Amino acid sequence: MQIYFQRAGGFVGMKMTASFDSRDFSADEQQELEQLIRQADFFRLPSRIMSKTPQPDRFQYQLTVRDDALGDKTVEVGEEALTPELKPLVDFLMAQLRKQRSAKS
């Protein structure tokens, strides 16, 4: 499974991006990722999930998941529109992004 993750916006407007291959994760992380994708029902989400009342300086996320069995799916979601099912997936990917960035430093 390949994942492209982007967080943009916020007060500074900084964009953070990362690409992941689930094969590079530990077995526990792979299992957690697959569970979070299932819990979010990711492949059935609409392609854009935005709040009816957008707020300035909030983050915007873009997640693309490529799975051999399920295909490709991209979802854009505003921070204020994160559902309780989708938020843990975004949190997991942010943690992985931070790990990736600190490994490069």
PDB file of N, CA and C in Angstrom:
ATOM      1  N   MET A   1       0.855  -1.166   0.000  1.00  0.00           N
ATOM      2  CA  MET A   1       0.000   0.000   0.000  1.00  0.00           C
ATOM      3  C   MET A   1       0.907   1.237   0.000  1.00  0.00           C
ATOM      4  N   GLN A   2       0.629   2.165  -0.895  1.00  0.00           N
ATOM      5  CA  GLN A   2       1.359   3.424  -0.939  1.00  0.00           C
ATOM      6  C   GLN A   2       0.420   4.544  -0.484  1.00  0.00           C
ATOM      7  N   ILE A   3       1.016   5.505   0.217  1.00  0.00           N
ATOM      8  CA  ILE A   3       0.228   6.614   0.738  1.00  0.00           C
ATOM      9  C   ILE A   3       0.967   7.906   0.460  1.00  0.00           C
ATOM     10  N   TYR A   4       0.235   8.878  -0.044  1.00  0.00           N
ATOM     11  CA  TYR A   4       0.725  10.235  -0.194  1.00  0.00           C
ATOM     12  C   TYR A   4      -0.078  11.071   0.792  1.00  0.00           C
ATOM     13  N   PHE A   5       0.629  11.867   1.590  1.00  0.00           N
ATOM     14  CA  PHE A   5      -0.026  12.660   2.633  1.00  0.00           C
ATOM     15  C   PHE A   5       0.486  14.086   2.566  1.00  0.00           C
ATOM     16  N   GLN A   6      -0.439  15.024   2.658  1.00  0.00           N
ATOM     17  CA  GLN A   6      -0.065  16.439   2.639  1.00  0.00           C
ATOM     18  C   GLN A   6      -0.880  17.192   3.672  1.00  0.00           C
ATOM     19  N   ARG A   7      -0.192  18.065   4.405  1.00  0.00           N
ATOM     20  CA  ARG A   7      -0.882  19.006   5.296  1.00  0.00           C
ATOM     21  C   ARG A   7      -0.462  20.399   4.874  1.00  0.00           C
ATOM     22  N   ALA A   8      -1.446  21.245   4.627  1.00  0.00           N
ATOM     23  CA  ALA A   8      -1.172  22.621   4.201  1.00  0.00           C
ATOM     24  C   ALA A   8      -2.003  23.568   5.049  1.00  0.00           C
ATOM     25  N   GLY A   9      -1.622  24.831   5.001  1.00  0.00           N
ATOM     26  CA  GLY A   9      -2.394  25.843   5.716  1.00  0.00           C
ATOM     27  C   GLY A   9      -1.844  26.099   7.100  1.00  0.00           C
ATOM     28  N   GLY A  10      -2.738  26.416   8.005  1.00  0.00           N
ATOM     29  CA  GLY A  10      -2.317  26.800   9.340  1.00  0.00           C
ATOM     30  C   GLY A  10      -1.921  28.266   9.356  1.00  0.00           C
ATOM     31  N   PHE A  11      -1.516  28.737  10.491  1.00  0.00           N
ATOM     32  CA  PHE A  11      -1.183  30.150  10.668  1.00  0.00           C
ATOM     33  C   PHE A  11      -0.046  30.578   9.747  1.00  0.00           C
ATOM     34  N   VAL A  12       0.961  29.744   9.601  1.00  0.00           N
ATOM     35  CA  VAL A  12       2.122  30.071   8.785  1.00  0.00           C
ATOM     36  C   VAL A  12       1.906  29.716   7.318  1.00  0.00           C
ATOM     37  N   GLY A  13       0.982  28.820   7.049  1.00  0.00           N
ATOM     38  CA  GLY A  13       0.718  28.407   5.678  1.00  0.00           C
ATOM     39  C   GLY A  13       1.738  27.416   5.144  1.00  0.00           C
ATOM     40  N   MET A  14       2.450  26.766   6.045  1.00  0.00           N
ATOM     41  CA  MET A  14       3.492  25.824   5.645  1.00  0.00           C
ATOM     42  C   MET A  14       2.876  24.523   5.112  1.00  0.00           C
ATOM     43  N   LYS A  15       3.480  23.993   4.051  1.00  0.00           N
ATOM     44  CA  LYS A  15       3.018  22.732   3.467  1.00  0.00           C
ATOM     45  C   LYS A  15       4.003  21.633   3.853  1.00  0.00           C
ATOM     46  N   MET A  16       3.462  20.533   4.347  1.00  0.00           N
ATOM     47  CA  MET A  16       4.267  19.365   4.687  1.00  0.00           C
ATOM     48  C   MET A  16       3.734  18.197   3.878  1.00  0.00           C
ATOM     49  N   THR A  17       4.639  17.477   3.202  1.00  0.00           N
ATOM     50  CA  THR A  17       4.218  16.334   2.404  1.00  0.00           C
ATOM     51  C   THR A  17       5.115  15.130   2.699  1.00  0.00           C
ATOM     52  N   ALA A  18       4.560  13.977   2.498  1.00  0.00           N
ATOM     53  CA  ALA A  18       5.327  12.740   2.659  1.00  0.00           C
ATOM     54  C   ALA A  18       4.683  11.646   1.830  1.00  0.00           C
ATOM     55  N   SER A  19       5.506  10.720   1.398  1.00  0.00           N
ATOM     56  CA  SER A  19       5.035   9.505   0.738  1.00  0.00           C
ATOM     57  C   SER A  19       5.497   8.327   1.575  1.00  0.00           C
ATOM     58  N   PHE A  20       4.618   7.361   1.713  1.00  0.00           N
ATOM     59  CA  PHE A  20       4.932   6.180   2.513  1.00  0.00           C
ATOM     60  C   PHE A  20       4.617   4.930   1.710  1.00  0.00           C
ATOM     61  N   ASP A  21       5.401   3.915   1.953  1.00  0.00           N
ATOM     62  CA  ASP A  21       5.101   2.573   1.472  1.00  0.00           C
ATOM     63  C   ASP A  21       4.903   1.745   2.728  1.00  0.00           C
ATOM     64  N   SER A  22       3.750   1.131   2.867  1.00  0.00           N
ATOM     65  CA  SER A  22       3.447   0.408   4.101  1.00  0.00           C
ATOM     66  C   SER A  22       4.449  -0.712   4.372  1.00  0.00           C
ATOM     67  N   ARG A  23       5.138  -1.192   3.336  1.00  0.00           N
ATOM     68  CA  ARG A  23       6.147  -2.243   3.533  1.00  0.00           C
ATOM     69  C   ARG A  23       7.336  -1.744   4.348  1.00  0.00           C
ATOM     70  N   ASP A  24       7.502  -0.405   4.424  1.00  0.00           N
ATOM     71  CA  ASP A  24       8.598   0.170   5.201  1.00  0.00           C
ATOM     72  C   ASP A  24       8.246   0.305   6.680  1.00  0.00           C
ATOM     73  N   PHE A  25       6.976   0.100   7.023  1.00  0.00           N
ATOM     74  CA  PHE A  25       6.543   0.187   8.414  1.00  0.00           C
ATOM     75  C   PHE A  25       6.790  -1.143   9.117  1.00  0.00           C
ATOM     76  N   SER A  26       6.832  -1.080  10.443  1.00  0.00           N
ATOM     77  CA  SER A  26       6.903  -2.324  11.216  1.00  0.00           C
ATOM     78  C   SER A  26       5.594  -3.087  11.018  1.00  0.00           C
ATOM     79  N   ALA A  27       5.596  -4.357  11.385  1.00  0.00           N
ATOM     80  CA  ALA A  27       4.376  -5.170  11.252  1.00  0.00           C
ATOM     81  C   ALA A  27       3.239  -4.569  12.062  1.00  0.00           C
ATOM     82  N   ASP A  28       3.526  -4.064  13.268  1.00  0.00           N
ATOM     83  CA  ASP A  28       2.487  -3.443  14.097  1.00  0.00           C
ATOM     84  C   ASP A  28       1.940  -2.176  13.452  1.00  0.00           C
ATOM     85  N   GLU A  29       2.837  -1.371  12.869  1.00  0.00           N
ATOM     86  CA  GLU A  29       2.397  -0.142  12.199  1.00  0.00           C
ATOM     87  C   GLU A  29       1.571  -0.459  10.961  1.00  0.00           C
ATOM     88  N   GLN A  30       1.957  -1.481  10.214  1.00  0.00           N
ATOM     89  CA  GLN A  30       1.169  -1.892   9.040  1.00  0.00           C
ATOM     90  C   GLN A  30      -0.236  -2.292   9.464  1.00  0.00           C
ATOM     91  N   GLN A  31      -0.307  -3.073  10.514  1.00  0.00           N
ATOM     92  CA  GLN A  31      -1.616  -3.530  11.005  1.00  0.00           C
ATOM     93  C   GLN A  31      -2.447  -2.342  11.486  1.00  0.00           C
ATOM     94  N   GLU A  32      -1.820  -1.414  12.207  1.00  0.00           N
ATOM     95  CA  GLU A  32      -2.543  -0.234  12.693  1.00  0.00           C
ATOM     96  C   GLU A  32      -3.047   0.609  11.526  1.00  0.00           C
ATOM     97  N   LEU A  33      -2.197   0.809  10.527  1.00  0.00           N
ATOM     98  CA  LEU A  33      -2.589   1.593   9.355  1.00  0.00           C
ATOM     99  C   LEU A  33      -3.790   0.966   8.648  1.00  0.00           C
ATOM    100  N   GLU A  34      -3.732  -0.328   8.415  1.00  0.00           N
ATOM    101  CA  GLU A  34      -4.842  -1.006   7.744  1.00  0.00           C
ATOM    102  C   GLU A  34      -6.124  -0.905   8.563  1.00  0.00           C
ATOM    103  N   GLN A  35      -6.007  -1.023   9.871  1.00  0.00           N
ATOM    104  CA  GLN A  35      -7.181  -0.902  10.742  1.00  0.00           C
ATOM    105  C   GLN A  35      -7.753   0.518  10.691  1.00  0.00           C
ATOM    106  N   LEU A  36      -6.887   1.523  10.703  1.00  0.00           N
ATOM    107  CA  LEU A  36      -7.360   2.914  10.657  1.00  0.00           C
ATOM    108  C   LEU A  36      -8.054   3.222   9.331  1.00  0.00           C
ATOM    109  N   ILE A  37      -7.541   2.673   8.248  1.00  0.00           N
ATOM    110  CA  ILE A  37      -8.170   2.872   6.939  1.00  0.00           C
ATOM    111  C   ILE A  37      -9.548   2.217   6.912  1.00  0.00           C
ATOM    112  N   ARG A  38      -9.636   1.012   7.468  1.00  0.00           N
ATOM    113  CA  ARG A  38     -10.948   0.332   7.546  1.00  0.00           C
ATOM    114  C   ARG A  38     -11.918   1.105   8.435  1.00  0.00           C
ATOM    115  N   GLN A  39     -11.453   1.528   9.622  1.00  0.00           N
ATOM    116  CA  GLN A  39     -12.332   2.253  10.557  1.00  0.00           C
ATOM    117  C   GLN A  39     -12.865   3.540   9.943  1.00  0.00           C
ATOM    118  N   ALA A  40     -12.031   4.201   9.157  1.00  0.00           N
ATOM    119  CA  ALA A  40     -12.462   5.447   8.508  1.00  0.00           C
ATOM    120  C   ALA A  40     -13.350   5.171   7.302  1.00  0.00           C
ATOM    121  N   ASP A  41     -13.434   3.902   6.884  1.00  0.00           N
ATOM    122  CA  ASP A  41     -14.156   3.526   5.666  1.00  0.00           C
ATOM    123  C   ASP A  41     -13.646   4.394   4.515  1.00  0.00           C
ATOM    124  N   PHE A  42     -12.317   4.512   4.466  1.00  0.00           N
ATOM    125  CA  PHE A  42     -11.639   5.466   3.605  1.00  0.00           C
ATOM    126  C   PHE A  42     -12.067   5.385   2.148  1.00  0.00           C
ATOM    127  N   PHE A  43     -12.176   4.190   1.616  1.00  0.00           N
ATOM    128  CA  PHE A  43     -12.465   4.054   0.187  1.00  0.00           C
ATOM    129  C   PHE A  43     -13.918   4.391  -0.167  1.00  0.00           C
ATOM    130  N   ARG A  44     -14.734   4.664   0.831  1.00  0.00           N
ATOM    131  CA  ARG A  44     -16.120   5.090   0.577  1.00  0.00           C
ATOM    132  C   ARG A  44     -16.346   6.570   0.903  1.00  0.00           C
ATOM    133  N   LEU A  45     -15.308   7.244   1.376  1.00  0.00           N
ATOM    134  CA  LEU A  45     -15.458   8.666   1.716  1.00  0.00           C
ATOM    135  C   LEU A  45     -15.598   9.496   0.443  1.00  0.00           C
ATOM    136  N   PRO A  46     -16.267  10.645   0.556  1.00  0.00           N
ATOM    137  CA  PRO A  46     -16.291  11.563  -0.597  1.00  0.00           C
ATOM    138  C   PRO A  46     -14.887  12.115  -0.841  1.00  0.00           C
ATOM    139  N   SER A  47     -14.637  12.608  -2.029  1.00  0.00           N
ATOM    140  CA  SER A  47     -13.300  13.102  -2.359  1.00  0.00           C
ATOM    141  C   SER A  47     -12.973  14.425  -1.662  1.00  0.00           C
ATOM    142  N   ARG A  48     -13.986  15.162  -1.247  1.00  0.00           N
ATOM    143  CA  ARG A  48     -13.765  16.418  -0.499  1.00  0.00           C
ATOM    144  C   ARG A  48     -14.698  16.453   0.702  1.00  0.00           C
ATOM    145  N   ILE A  49     -14.115  16.726   1.856  1.00  0.00           N
ATOM    146  CA  ILE A  49     -14.894  16.871   3.077  1.00  0.00           C
ATOM    147  C   ILE A  49     -14.498  18.213   3.691  1.00  0.00           C
ATOM    148  N   MET A  50     -15.379  19.172   3.581  1.00  0.00           N
ATOM    149  CA  MET A  50     -15.083  20.511   4.086  1.00  0.00           C
ATOM    150  C   MET A  50     -16.207  20.976   5.005  1.00  0.00           C
ATOM    151  N   SER A  51     -15.852  21.826   5.912  1.00  0.00           N
ATOM    152  CA  SER A  51     -16.827  22.397   6.832  1.00  0.00           C
ATOM    153  C   SER A  51     -17.731  23.366   6.076  1.00  0.00           C
ATOM    154  N   LYS A  52     -18.963  23.479   6.541  1.00  0.00           N
ATOM    155  CA  LYS A  52     -19.881  24.447   5.935  1.00  0.00           C
ATOM    156  C   LYS A  52     -19.460  25.868   6.252  1.00  0.00           C
ATOM    157  N   THR A  53     -18.697  26.028   7.340  1.00  0.00           N
ATOM    158  CA  THR A  53     -18.195  27.346   7.733  1.00  0.00           C
ATOM    159  C   THR A  53     -16.673  27.276   7.880  1.00  0.00           C
ATOM    160  N   PRO A  54     -15.955  27.368   6.749  1.00  0.00           N
ATOM    161  CA  PRO A  54     -14.498  27.283   6.801  1.00  0.00           C
ATOM    162  C   PRO A  54     -13.918  28.350   7.726  1.00  0.00           C
ATOM    163  N   GLN A  55     -12.852  27.986   8.386  1.00  0.00           N
ATOM    164  CA  GLN A  55     -12.200  28.895   9.325  1.00  0.00           C
ATOM    165  C   GLN A  55     -10.789  29.193   8.829  1.00  0.00           C
ATOM    166  N   PRO A  56     -10.370  30.452   8.909  1.00  0.00           N
ATOM    167  CA  PRO A  56      -9.022  30.795   8.453  1.00  0.00           C
ATOM    168  C   PRO A  56      -7.973  30.130   9.344  1.00  0.00           C
ATOM    169  N   ASP A  57      -6.803  29.937   8.790  1.00  0.00           N
ATOM    170  CA  ASP A  57      -5.645  29.404   9.518  1.00  0.00           C
ATOM    171  C   ASP A  57      -5.847  27.978  10.014  1.00  0.00           C
ATOM    172  N   ARG A  58      -6.732  27.238   9.420  1.00  0.00           N
ATOM    173  CA  ARG A  58      -6.907  25.824   9.763  1.00  0.00           C
ATOM    174  C   ARG A  58      -6.157  24.978   8.738  1.00  0.00           C
ATOM    175  N   PHE A  59      -5.814  23.790   9.132  1.00  0.00           N
ATOM    176  CA  PHE A  59      -5.088  22.896   8.236  1.00  0.00           C
ATOM    177  C   PHE A  59      -6.031  22.232   7.242  1.00  0.00           C
ATOM    178  N   GLN A  60      -5.478  21.940   6.085  1.00  0.00           N
ATOM    179  CA  GLN A  60      -6.156  21.165   5.043  1.00  0.00           C
ATOM    180  C   GLN A  60      -5.285  19.937   4.788  1.00  0.00           C
ATOM    181  N   TYR A  61      -5.907  18.790   4.701  1.00  0.00           N
ATOM    182  CA  TYR A  61      -5.184  17.535   4.488  1.00  0.00           C
ATOM    183  C   TYR A  61      -5.594  16.916   3.162  1.00  0.00           C
ATOM    184  N   GLN A  62      -4.628  16.298   2.518  1.00  0.00           N
ATOM    185  CA  GLN A  62      -4.904  15.501   1.327  1.00  0.00           C
ATOM    186  C   GLN A  62      -4.247  14.146   1.539  1.00  0.00           C
ATOM    187  N   LEU A  63      -5.047  13.095   1.409  1.00  0.00           N
ATOM    188  CA  LEU A  63      -4.571  11.726   1.593  1.00  0.00           C
ATOM    189  C   LEU A  63      -4.881  10.942   0.338  1.00  0.00           C
ATOM    190  N   THR A  64      -3.887  10.298  -0.204  1.00  0.00           N
ATOM    191  CA  THR A  64      -4.079   9.389  -1.327  1.00  0.00           C
ATOM    192  C   THR A  64      -3.580   8.021  -0.895  1.00  0.00           C
ATOM    193  N   VAL A  65      -4.431   7.026  -1.042  1.00  0.00           N
ATOM    194  CA  VAL A  65      -4.075   5.655  -0.699  1.00  0.00           C
ATOM    195  C   VAL A  65      -4.163   4.830  -1.973  1.00  0.00           C
ATOM    196  N   ARG A  66      -3.077   4.106  -2.261  1.00  0.00           N
ATOM    197  CA  ARG A  66      -3.031   3.196  -3.413  1.00  0.00           C
ATOM    198  C   ARG A  66      -2.894   1.786  -2.871  1.00  0.00           C
ATOM    199  N   ASP A  67      -3.897   0.982  -3.148  1.00  0.00           N
ATOM    200  CA  ASP A  67      -3.925  -0.388  -2.666  1.00  0.00           C
ATOM    201  C   ASP A  67      -4.161  -1.313  -3.854  1.00  0.00           C
ATOM    202  N   ASP A  68      -3.366  -2.370  -3.943  1.00  0.00           N
ATOM    203  CA  ASP A  68      -3.499  -3.294  -5.083  1.00  0.00           C
ATOM    204  C   ASP A  68      -4.898  -3.868  -5.199  1.00  0.00           C
ATOM    205  N   ALA A  69      -5.528  -4.170  -4.074  1.00  0.00           N
ATOM    206  CA  ALA A  69      -6.858  -4.791  -4.092  1.00  0.00           C
ATOM    207  C   ALA A  69      -7.982  -3.777  -4.234  1.00  0.00           C
ATOM    208  N   LEU A  70      -7.826  -2.609  -3.599  1.00  0.00           N
ATOM    209  CA  LEU A  70      -8.928  -1.641  -3.544  1.00  0.00           C
ATOM    210  C   LEU A  70      -8.800  -0.486  -4.532  1.00  0.00           C
ATOM    211  N   GLY A  71      -7.634  -0.315  -5.125  1.00  0.00           N
ATOM    212  CA  GLY A  71      -7.443   0.768  -6.088  1.00  0.00           C
ATOM    213  C   GLY A  71      -6.893   2.023  -5.440  1.00  0.00           C
ATOM    214  N   ASP A  72      -7.118   3.166  -6.089  1.00  0.00           N
ATOM    215  CA  ASP A  72      -6.627   4.463  -5.629  1.00  0.00           C
ATOM    216  C   ASP A  72      -7.786   5.302  -5.128  1.00  0.00           C
ATOM    217  N   LYS A  73      -7.520   6.048  -4.072  1.00  0.00           N
ATOM    218  CA  LYS A  73      -8.548   6.956  -3.541  1.00  0.00           C
ATOM    219  C   LYS A  73      -7.830   8.168  -2.956  1.00  0.00           C
ATOM    220  N   THR A  74      -8.320   9.364  -3.309  1.00  0.00           N
ATOM    221  CA  THR A  74      -7.808  10.606  -2.739  1.00  0.00           C
ATOM    222  C   THR A  74      -8.937  11.309  -2.024  1.00  0.00           C
ATOM    223  N   VAL A  75      -8.631  11.776  -0.819  1.00  0.00           N
ATOM    224  CA  VAL A  75      -9.600  12.519  -0.013  1.00  0.00           C
ATOM    225  C   VAL A  75      -8.935  13.803   0.457  1.00  0.00           C
ATOM    226  N   GLU A  76      -9.628  14.916   0.267  1.00  0.00           N
ATOM    227  CA  GLU A  76      -9.211  16.200   0.825  1.00  0.00           C
ATOM    228  C   GLU A  76     -10.166  16.524   1.958  1.00  0.00           C
ATOM    229  N   VAL A  77      -9.598  16.915   3.099  1.00  0.00           N
ATOM    230  CA  VAL A  77     -10.438  17.190   4.267  1.00  0.00           C
ATOM    231  C   VAL A  77      -9.873  18.380   5.028  1.00  0.00           C
ATOM    232  N   GLY A  78     -10.772  19.260   5.433  1.00  0.00           N
ATOM    233  CA  GLY A  78     -10.388  20.384   6.268  1.00  0.00           C
ATOM    234  C   GLY A  78     -10.298  19.945   7.723  1.00  0.00           C
ATOM    235  N   GLU A  79      -9.388  20.558   8.456  1.00  0.00           N
ATOM    236  CA  GLU A  79      -9.182  20.201   9.865  1.00  0.00           C
ATOM    237  C   GLU A  79     -10.479  20.225  10.664  1.00  0.00           C
ATOM    238  N   GLU A  80     -11.285  21.231  10.438  1.00  0.00           N
ATOM    239  CA  GLU A  80     -12.521  21.374  11.201  1.00  0.00           C
ATOM    240  C   GLU A  80     -13.587  20.359  10.783  1.00  0.00           C
ATOM    241  N   ALA A  81     -13.351  19.665   9.665  1.00  0.00           N
ATOM    242  CA  ALA A  81     -14.324  18.683   9.171  1.00  0.00           C
ATOM    243  C   ALA A  81     -13.885  17.238   9.441  1.00  0.00           C
ATOM    244  N   LEU A  82     -12.757  17.050  10.127  1.00  0.00           N
ATOM    245  CA  LEU A  82     -12.297  15.688  10.435  1.00  0.00           C
ATOM    246  C   LEU A  82     -13.331  14.965  11.277  1.00  0.00           C
ATOM    247  N   THR A  83     -13.709  13.789  10.830  1.00  0.00           N
ATOM    248  CA  THR A  83     -14.674  12.986  11.575  1.00  0.00           C
ATOM    249  C   THR A  83     -13.924  12.193  12.651  1.00  0.00           C
ATOM    250  N   PRO A  84     -14.631  11.727  13.672  1.00  0.00           N
ATOM    251  CA  PRO A  84     -13.975  10.901  14.695  1.00  0.00           C
ATOM    252  C   PRO A  84     -13.358   9.621  14.112  1.00  0.00           C
ATOM    253  N   GLU A  85     -13.864   9.145  12.983  1.00  0.00           N
ATOM    254  CA  GLU A  85     -13.327   7.954  12.341  1.00  0.00           C
ATOM    255  C   GLU A  85     -12.072   8.261  11.517  1.00  0.00           C
ATOM    256  N   LEU A  86     -11.996   9.464  10.952  1.00  0.00           N
ATOM    257  CA  LEU A  86     -10.882   9.838  10.084  1.00  0.00           C
ATOM    258  C   LEU A  86      -9.719  10.456  10.854  1.00  0.00           C
ATOM    259  N   LYS A  87      -9.986  11.110  11.958  1.00  0.00           N
ATOM    260  CA  LYS A  87      -8.943  11.806  12.723  1.00  0.00           C
ATOM    261  C   LYS A  87      -7.807  10.879  13.154  1.00  0.00           C
ATOM    262  N   PRO A  88      -8.064   9.662  13.655  1.00  0.00           N
ATOM    263  CA  PRO A  88      -6.942   8.790  14.036  1.00  0.00           C
ATOM    264  C   PRO A  88      -6.019   8.439  12.863  1.00  0.00           C
ATOM    265  N   LEU A  89      -6.564   8.313  11.663  1.00  0.00           N
ATOM    266  CA  LEU A  89      -5.736   8.048  10.488  1.00  0.00           C
ATOM    267  C   LEU A  89      -4.841   9.246  10.197  1.00  0.00           C
ATOM    268  N   VAL A  90      -5.402  10.442  10.242  1.00  0.00           N
ATOM    269  CA  VAL A  90      -4.616  11.657  10.019  1.00  0.00           C
ATOM    270  C   VAL A  90      -3.547  11.787  11.100  1.00  0.00           C
ATOM    271  N   ASP A  91      -3.892  11.518  12.342  1.00  0.00           N
ATOM    272  CA  ASP A  91      -2.912  11.586  13.434  1.00  0.00           C
ATOM    273  C   ASP A  91      -1.778  10.586  13.221  1.00  0.00           C
ATOM    274  N   PHE A  92      -2.109   9.376  12.810  1.00  0.00           N
ATOM    275  CA  PHE A  92      -1.098   8.349  12.534  1.00  0.00           C
ATOM    276  C   PHE A  92      -0.150   8.832  11.436  1.00  0.00           C
ATOM    277  N   LEU A  93      -0.712   9.363  10.347  1.00  0.00           N
ATOM    278  CA  LEU A  93       0.116   9.814   9.229  1.00  0.00           C
ATOM    279  C   LEU A  93       0.961  11.023   9.606  1.00  0.00           C
ATOM    280  N   MET A  94       0.426  11.917  10.433  1.00  0.00           N
ATOM    281  CA  MET A  94       1.232  13.055  10.910  1.00  0.00           C
ATOM    282  C   MET A  94       2.402  12.555  11.748  1.00  0.00           C
ATOM    283  N   ALA A  95       2.181  11.567  12.588  1.00  0.00           N
ATOM    284  CA  ALA A  95       3.266  11.008  13.395  1.00  0.00           C
ATOM    285  C   ALA A  95       4.338  10.375  12.499  1.00  0.00           C
ATOM    286  N   GLN A  96       3.898   9.670  11.456  1.00  0.00           N
ATOM    287  CA  GLN A  96       4.847   9.071  10.521  1.00  0.00           C
ATOM    288  C   GLN A  96       5.615  10.145   9.751  1.00  0.00           C
ATOM    289  N   LEU A  97       4.929  11.211   9.367  1.00  0.00           N
ATOM    290  CA  LEU A  97       5.572  12.315   8.664  1.00  0.00           C
ATOM    291  C   LEU A  97       6.646  12.943   9.543  1.00  0.00           C
ATOM    292  N   ARG A  98       6.327  13.160  10.810  1.00  0.00           N
ATOM    293  CA  ARG A  98       7.299  13.753  11.734  1.00  0.00           C
ATOM    294  C   ARG A  98       8.503  12.831  11.927  1.00  0.00           C
ATOM    295  N   LYS A  99       8.255  11.522  12.020  1.00  0.00           N
ATOM    296  CA  LYS A  99       9.361  10.567  12.142  1.00  0.00           C
ATOM    297  C   LYS A  99      10.252  10.623  10.901  1.00  0.00           C
ATOM    298  N   GLN A 100       9.617  10.686   9.751  1.00  0.00           N
ATOM    299  CA  GLN A 100      10.357  10.728   8.489  1.00  0.00           C
ATOM    300  C   GLN A 100      11.225  11.991   8.415  1.00  0.00           C
ATOM    301  N   ARG A 101      10.637  13.112   8.826  1.00  0.00           N
ATOM    302  CA  ARG A 101      11.378  14.385   8.787  1.00  0.00           C
ATOM    303  C   ARG A 101      12.528  14.394   9.769  1.00  0.00           C
ATOM    304  N   SER A 102      12.308  13.847  10.969  1.00  0.00           N
ATOM    305  CA  SER A 102      13.393  13.858  11.963  1.00  0.00           C
ATOM    306  C   SER A 102      14.505  12.890  11.566  1.00  0.00           C
ATOM    307  N   ALA A 103      14.183  11.827  10.842  1.00  0.00           N
ATOM    308  CA  ALA A 103      15.205  10.890  10.376  1.00  0.00           C
ATOM    309  C   ALA A 103      16.100  11.535   9.323  1.00  0.00           C
ATOM    310  N   LYS A 104      15.559  12.488   8.579  1.00  0.00           N
ATOM    311  CA  LYS A 104      16.326  13.178   7.547  1.00  0.00           C
ATOM    312  C   LYS A 104      17.206  14.275   8.123  1.00  0.00           C
ATOM    313  N   SER A 105      16.892  14.714   9.342  1.00  0.00           N
ATOM    314  CA  SER A 105      17.657  15.818   9.957  1.00  0.00           C
ATOM    315  C   SER A 105      18.968  15.346  10.526  1.00  0.00           C
TER     316      SER A 105
END
